[in-house]
Amino acid sequence: MPSGMGGLVRYFDEYKSKIKFKPGHIIILCAVVIVMMLFLYAYGNRILGIG
């Protein structure tokens, strides 16, 4: 007889991560990375002595 779950596996019941981030922390991290990239695109050549 076929299984009642239809072959679906519920992974979130099997594994729980020890590292948890709040959504606000991820948004702040993304904003910091974007600001750093913009800064390096604008001033990176002068800071690193390239070109």
PDB file of N, CA and C in Angstrom:
ATOM      1  N   MET A   1       0.834  -1.184   0.000  1.00  0.00           N
ATOM      2  CA  MET A   1       0.000   0.000   0.000  1.00  0.00           C
ATOM      3  C   MET A   1       0.883   1.253   0.000  1.00  0.00           C
ATOM      4  N   PRO A   2       0.477   2.293  -0.725  1.00  0.00           N
ATOM      5  CA  PRO A   2       1.260   3.532  -0.738  1.00  0.00           C
ATOM      6  C   PRO A   2       1.195   4.265   0.602  1.00  0.00           C
ATOM      7  N   SER A   3       2.209   5.065   0.825  1.00  0.00           N
ATOM      8  CA  SER A   3       2.289   5.850   2.052  1.00  0.00           C
ATOM      9  C   SER A   3       1.229   6.952   2.049  1.00  0.00           C
ATOM     10  N   GLY A   4       0.789   7.346   3.216  1.00  0.00           N
ATOM     11  CA  GLY A   4      -0.209   8.406   3.328  1.00  0.00           C
ATOM     12  C   GLY A   4       0.353   9.788   3.063  1.00  0.00           C
ATOM     13  N   MET A   5       1.685   9.950   3.116  1.00  0.00           N
ATOM     14  CA  MET A   5       2.319  11.252   2.881  1.00  0.00           C
ATOM     15  C   MET A   5       2.545  11.519   1.404  1.00  0.00           C
ATOM     16  N   GLY A   6       2.352  10.567   0.540  1.00  0.00           N
ATOM     17  CA  GLY A   6       2.550  10.778  -0.888  1.00  0.00           C
ATOM     18  C   GLY A   6       4.010  10.953  -1.247  1.00  0.00           C
ATOM     19  N   GLY A   7       4.927  10.443  -0.462  1.00  0.00           N
ATOM     20  CA  GLY A   7       6.350  10.544  -0.759  1.00  0.00           C
ATOM     21  C   GLY A   7       6.988  11.844  -0.311  1.00  0.00           C
ATOM     22  N   LEU A   8       6.245  12.709   0.342  1.00  0.00           N
ATOM     23  CA  LEU A   8       6.800  13.982   0.789  1.00  0.00           C
ATOM     24  C   LEU A   8       7.564  13.788   2.095  1.00  0.00           C
ATOM     25  N   VAL A   9       8.683  14.480   2.201  1.00  0.00           N
ATOM     26  CA  VAL A   9       9.500  14.404   3.405  1.00  0.00           C
ATOM     27  C   VAL A   9       9.484  15.770   4.071  1.00  0.00           C
ATOM     28  N   ARG A  10       9.272  15.806   5.336  1.00  0.00           N
ATOM     29  CA  ARG A  10       9.247  17.066   6.076  1.00  0.00           C
ATOM     30  C   ARG A  10      10.607  17.253   6.755  1.00  0.00           C
ATOM     31  N   TYR A  11      11.506  17.967   6.082  1.00  0.00           N
ATOM     32  CA  TYR A  11      12.872  18.121   6.574  1.00  0.00           C
ATOM     33  C   TYR A  11      12.946  18.978   7.828  1.00  0.00           C
ATOM     34  N   PHE A  12      12.057  19.944   7.973  1.00  0.00           N
ATOM     35  CA  PHE A  12      12.156  20.846   9.119  1.00  0.00           C
ATOM     36  C   PHE A  12      11.883  20.117  10.429  1.00  0.00           C
ATOM     37  N   ASP A  13      11.255  18.959  10.373  1.00  0.00           N
ATOM     38  CA  ASP A  13      11.054  18.176  11.588  1.00  0.00           C
ATOM     39  C   ASP A  13      12.306  17.397  11.974  1.00  0.00           C
ATOM     40  N   GLU A  14      13.179  17.159  11.002  1.00  0.00           N
ATOM     41  CA  GLU A  14      14.334  16.308  11.239  1.00  0.00           C
ATOM     42  C   GLU A  14      15.581  17.076  11.657  1.00  0.00           C
ATOM     43  N   TYR A  15      15.703  18.333  11.263  1.00  0.00           N
ATOM     44  CA  TYR A  15      16.945  19.065  11.492  1.00  0.00           C
ATOM     45  C   TYR A  15      16.635  20.439  12.054  1.00  0.00           C
ATOM     46  N   LYS A  16      17.330  20.804  13.096  1.00  0.00           N
ATOM     47  CA  LYS A  16      17.217  22.149  13.648  1.00  0.00           C
ATOM     48  C   LYS A  16      18.613  22.746  13.750  1.00  0.00           C
ATOM     49  N   SER A  17      18.785  23.907  13.169  1.00  0.00           N
ATOM     50  CA  SER A  17      20.075  24.572  13.167  1.00  0.00           C
ATOM     51  C   SER A  17      20.365  25.186  14.532  1.00  0.00           C
ATOM     52  N   LYS A  18      21.634  25.199  14.910  1.00  0.00           N
ATOM     53  CA  LYS A  18      22.040  25.836  16.158  1.00  0.00           C
ATOM     54  C   LYS A  18      22.247  27.336  15.973  1.00  0.00           C
ATOM     55  N   ILE A  19      22.408  27.756  14.719  1.00  0.00           N
ATOM     56  CA  ILE A  19      22.622  29.173  14.411  1.00  0.00           C
ATOM     57  C   ILE A  19      21.316  29.741  13.875  1.00  0.00           C
ATOM     58  N   LYS A  20      20.821  30.780  14.528  1.00  0.00           N
ATOM     59  CA  LYS A  20      19.580  31.410  14.087  1.00  0.00           C
ATOM     60  C   LYS A  20      19.812  32.907  13.955  1.00  0.00           C
ATOM     61  N   PHE A  21      19.302  33.472  12.862  1.00  0.00           N
ATOM     62  CA  PHE A  21      19.406  34.901  12.611  1.00  0.00           C
ATOM     63  C   PHE A  21      18.002  35.493  12.554  1.00  0.00           C
ATOM     64  N   LYS A  22      17.873  36.685  13.088  1.00  0.00           N
ATOM     65  CA  LYS A  22      16.614  37.401  12.955  1.00  0.00           C
ATOM     66  C   LYS A  22      16.586  38.059  11.582  1.00  0.00           C
ATOM     67  N   PRO A  23      15.410  38.239  10.993  1.00  0.00           N
ATOM     68  CA  PRO A  23      15.319  38.877   9.672  1.00  0.00           C
ATOM     69  C   PRO A  23      15.937  40.270   9.641  1.00  0.00           C
ATOM     70  N   GLY A  24      15.823  41.011  10.721  1.00  0.00           N
ATOM     71  CA  GLY A  24      16.408  42.355  10.774  1.00  0.00           C
ATOM     72  C   GLY A  24      17.923  42.329  10.665  1.00  0.00           C
ATOM     73  N   HIS A  25      18.554  41.312  11.257  1.00  0.00           N
ATOM     74  CA  HIS A  25      20.009  41.196  11.172  1.00  0.00           C
ATOM     75  C   HIS A  25      20.451  40.929   9.736  1.00  0.00           C
ATOM     76  N   ILE A  26      19.694  40.118   9.008  1.00  0.00           N
ATOM     77  CA  ILE A  26      20.039  39.823   7.614  1.00  0.00           C
ATOM     78  C   ILE A  26      19.913  41.079   6.755  1.00  0.00           C
ATOM     79  N   ILE A  27      18.878  41.861   6.990  1.00  0.00           N
ATOM     80  CA  ILE A  27      18.698  43.105   6.226  1.00  0.00           C
ATOM     81  C   ILE A  27      19.840  44.072   6.510  1.00  0.00           C
ATOM     82  N   ILE A  28      20.235  44.209   7.768  1.00  0.00           N
ATOM     83  CA  ILE A  28      21.350  45.097   8.120  1.00  0.00           C
ATOM     84  C   ILE A  28      22.642  44.602   7.498  1.00  0.00           C
ATOM     85  N   LEU A  29      22.890  43.297   7.524  1.00  0.00           N
ATOM     86  CA  LEU A  29      24.092  42.741   6.920  1.00  0.00           C
ATOM     87  C   LEU A  29      24.130  43.020   5.419  1.00  0.00           C
ATOM     88  N   CYS A  30      23.009  42.847   4.739  1.00  0.00           N
ATOM     89  CA  CYS A  30      22.952  43.141   3.305  1.00  0.00           C
ATOM     90  C   CYS A  30      23.231  44.618   3.026  1.00  0.00           C
ATOM     91  N   ALA A  31      22.667  45.493   3.846  1.00  0.00           N
ATOM     92  CA  ALA A  31      22.899  46.928   3.662  1.00  0.00           C
ATOM     93  C   ALA A  31      24.366  47.275   3.871  1.00  0.00           C
ATOM     94  N   VAL A  32      25.009  46.669   4.865  1.00  0.00           N
ATOM     95  CA  VAL A  32      26.428  46.926   5.114  1.00  0.00           C
ATOM     96  C   VAL A  32      27.272  46.452   3.938  1.00  0.00           C
ATOM     97  N   VAL A  33      26.956  45.284   3.392  1.00  0.00           N
ATOM     98  CA  VAL A  33      27.711  44.771   2.248  1.00  0.00           C
ATOM     99  C   VAL A  33      27.525  45.678   1.037  1.00  0.00           C
ATOM    100  N   ILE A  34      26.317  46.158   0.805  1.00  0.00           N
ATOM    101  CA  ILE A  34      26.068  47.057  -0.329  1.00  0.00           C
ATOM    102  C   ILE A  34      26.852  48.354  -0.169  1.00  0.00           C
ATOM    103  N   VAL A  35      26.864  48.929   1.033  1.00  0.00           N
ATOM    104  CA  VAL A  35      27.606  50.170   1.273  1.00  0.00           C
ATOM    105  C   VAL A  35      29.098  49.945   1.073  1.00  0.00           C
ATOM    106  N   MET A  36      29.609  48.813   1.562  1.00  0.00           N
ATOM    107  CA  MET A  36      31.036  48.513   1.373  1.00  0.00           C
ATOM    108  C   MET A  36      31.375  48.365  -0.105  1.00  0.00           C
ATOM    109  N   MET A  37      30.514  47.704  -0.873  1.00  0.00           N
ATOM    110  CA  MET A  37      30.778  47.541  -2.303  1.00  0.00           C
ATOM    111  C   MET A  37      30.764  48.889  -3.021  1.00  0.00           C
ATOM    112  N   LEU A  38      29.793  49.731  -2.693  1.00  0.00           N
ATOM    113  CA  LEU A  38      29.750  51.055  -3.323  1.00  0.00           C
ATOM    114  C   LEU A  38      30.992  51.864  -2.980  1.00  0.00           C
ATOM    115  N   PHE A  39      31.427  51.797  -1.729  1.00  0.00           N
ATOM    116  CA  PHE A  39      32.633  52.509  -1.316  1.00  0.00           C
ATOM    117  C   PHE A  39      33.851  52.000  -2.069  1.00  0.00           C
ATOM    118  N   LEU A  40      33.983  50.675  -2.190  1.00  0.00           N
ATOM    119  CA  LEU A  40      35.151  50.118  -2.886  1.00  0.00           C
ATOM    120  C   LEU A  40      35.125  50.419  -4.378  1.00  0.00           C
ATOM    121  N   TYR A  41      33.914  50.412  -4.988  1.00  0.00           N
ATOM    122  CA  TYR A  41      33.838  50.783  -6.401  1.00  0.00           C
ATOM    123  C   TYR A  41      34.259  52.228  -6.617  1.00  0.00           C
ATOM    124  N   ALA A  42      33.918  53.105  -5.669  1.00  0.00           N
ATOM    125  CA  ALA A  42      34.222  54.522  -5.819  1.00  0.00           C
ATOM    126  C   ALA A  42      35.670  54.846  -5.461  1.00  0.00           C
ATOM    127  N   TYR A  43      36.190  54.252  -4.371  1.00  0.00           N
ATOM    128  CA  TYR A  43      37.497  54.657  -3.857  1.00  0.00           C
ATOM    129  C   TYR A  43      38.509  53.518  -3.764  1.00  0.00           C
ATOM    130  N   GLY A  44      38.156  52.333  -4.190  1.00  0.00           N
ATOM    131  CA  GLY A  44      39.032  51.167  -4.031  1.00  0.00           C
ATOM    132  C   GLY A  44      40.347  51.283  -4.767  1.00  0.00           C
ATOM    133  N   ASN A  45      40.310  51.838  -5.972  1.00  0.00           N
ATOM    134  CA  ASN A  45      41.557  51.969  -6.746  1.00  0.00           C
ATOM    135  C   ASN A  45      42.561  52.860  -6.026  1.00  0.00           C
ATOM    136  N   ARG A  46      42.094  53.949  -5.459  1.00  0.00           N
ATOM    137  CA  ARG A  46      42.995  54.856  -4.747  1.00  0.00           C
ATOM    138  C   ARG A  46      43.506  54.236  -3.453  1.00  0.00           C
ATOM    139  N   ILE A  47      42.630  53.547  -2.753  1.00  0.00           N
ATOM    140  CA  ILE A  47      43.031  52.953  -1.464  1.00  0.00           C
ATOM    141  C   ILE A  47      44.041  51.832  -1.672  1.00  0.00           C
ATOM    142  N   LEU A  48      43.791  50.998  -2.668  1.00  0.00           N
ATOM    143  CA  LEU A  48      44.670  49.843  -2.905  1.00  0.00           C
ATOM    144  C   LEU A  48      45.875  50.181  -3.782  1.00  0.00           C
ATOM    145  N   GLY A  49      45.915  51.402  -4.344  1.00  0.00           N
ATOM    146  CA  GLY A  49      47.058  51.807  -5.160  1.00  0.00           C
ATOM    147  C   GLY A  49      47.057  51.181  -6.540  1.00  0.00           C
ATOM    148  N   ILE A  50      45.901  50.836  -7.053  1.00  0.00           N
ATOM    149  CA  ILE A  50      45.796  50.245  -8.386  1.00  0.00           C
ATOM    150  C   ILE A  50      45.369  51.346  -9.369  1.00  0.00           C
ATOM    151  N   GLY A  51      46.076  51.432 -10.470  1.00  0.00           N
ATOM    152  CA  GLY A  51      45.694  52.353 -11.538  1.00  0.00           C
ATOM    153  C   GLY A  51      46.042  53.742 -11.227  1.00  0.00           C
TER     154      GLY A  51
END
